Amino acid sequence: MPNWCETSYYFVGPEKEVRSLYRKILKWTSRGTLASDFGNAWLGNVANGAGIDWRDVRCRGTVDYIDLKKVNNRTVLYLETETAWCPMNEFWDTILSKTAPDCSYYYLAVEPGCELYDTNDSSHEYFDTDYVVDAYWEDSYHEEFQEYFEEGLSEWNARDLERVLQELLGDPDASMDKLIKEVNSMQDDWDSEDRIYIHEVSCSA
């Protein structure tokens, strides 16, 4: 059983091509054309619809959400996938080359089991995420932290996370590196299973 990677995509390009890509993916995932345990939303159905043999591409996963959005004054295709172990970017490269050659994408991928936190949006044009915080709360001993960090995963940009940690630790001039070290060290003295893990998002641009 693999770990599952959650990836969000923004596909950008000429509006006509973006809208066409949206309609095609919606059609290809609305009914199962190939037998699969993944159901209609299987990436293999997207490959098949694009005229690609699913055995020639890695497609172990599904399209979980799809929509057209207006972002930065342009129409973009927003997509969420769940895939085995890692984002299937090579899959989407192949799909675009066949169906929307003038389009490209920005993505944010999160897979905590393998500590994979990755984006290609170095300019924060679509994803304003520098850190992913993974919090686990067993009790209410640390309410001051629970107020800011809900249980599970939350996304943060650097300026907001730094400000919150400076406030919580009472160290208004501390750098992010120092703050993260203080948070990690502080938890060694906690008498519960409460934990906060702060992961920096890497950039593969």
Foldseek 3Di string as FASTA:
>chain_A
DFFKKKKKKKKDFPQVLQVVLLVQLCVLQVACPDDDPQGSFFVCSLCVSLVHHSVVFQTAWGWPDWDWDQAPNDIIIMTIIIGGPWDRQVSVVVSCVRRPVRMDMWMWMDGVVVLATEIQCPVCRPPQFFKKKAWDDPDCPPVLVCVPDPHGIDGDHQVVVLCSLCVVVVNNPDDPVVSQVVQVVVCVPDPDPIHMDMHTYYHPD
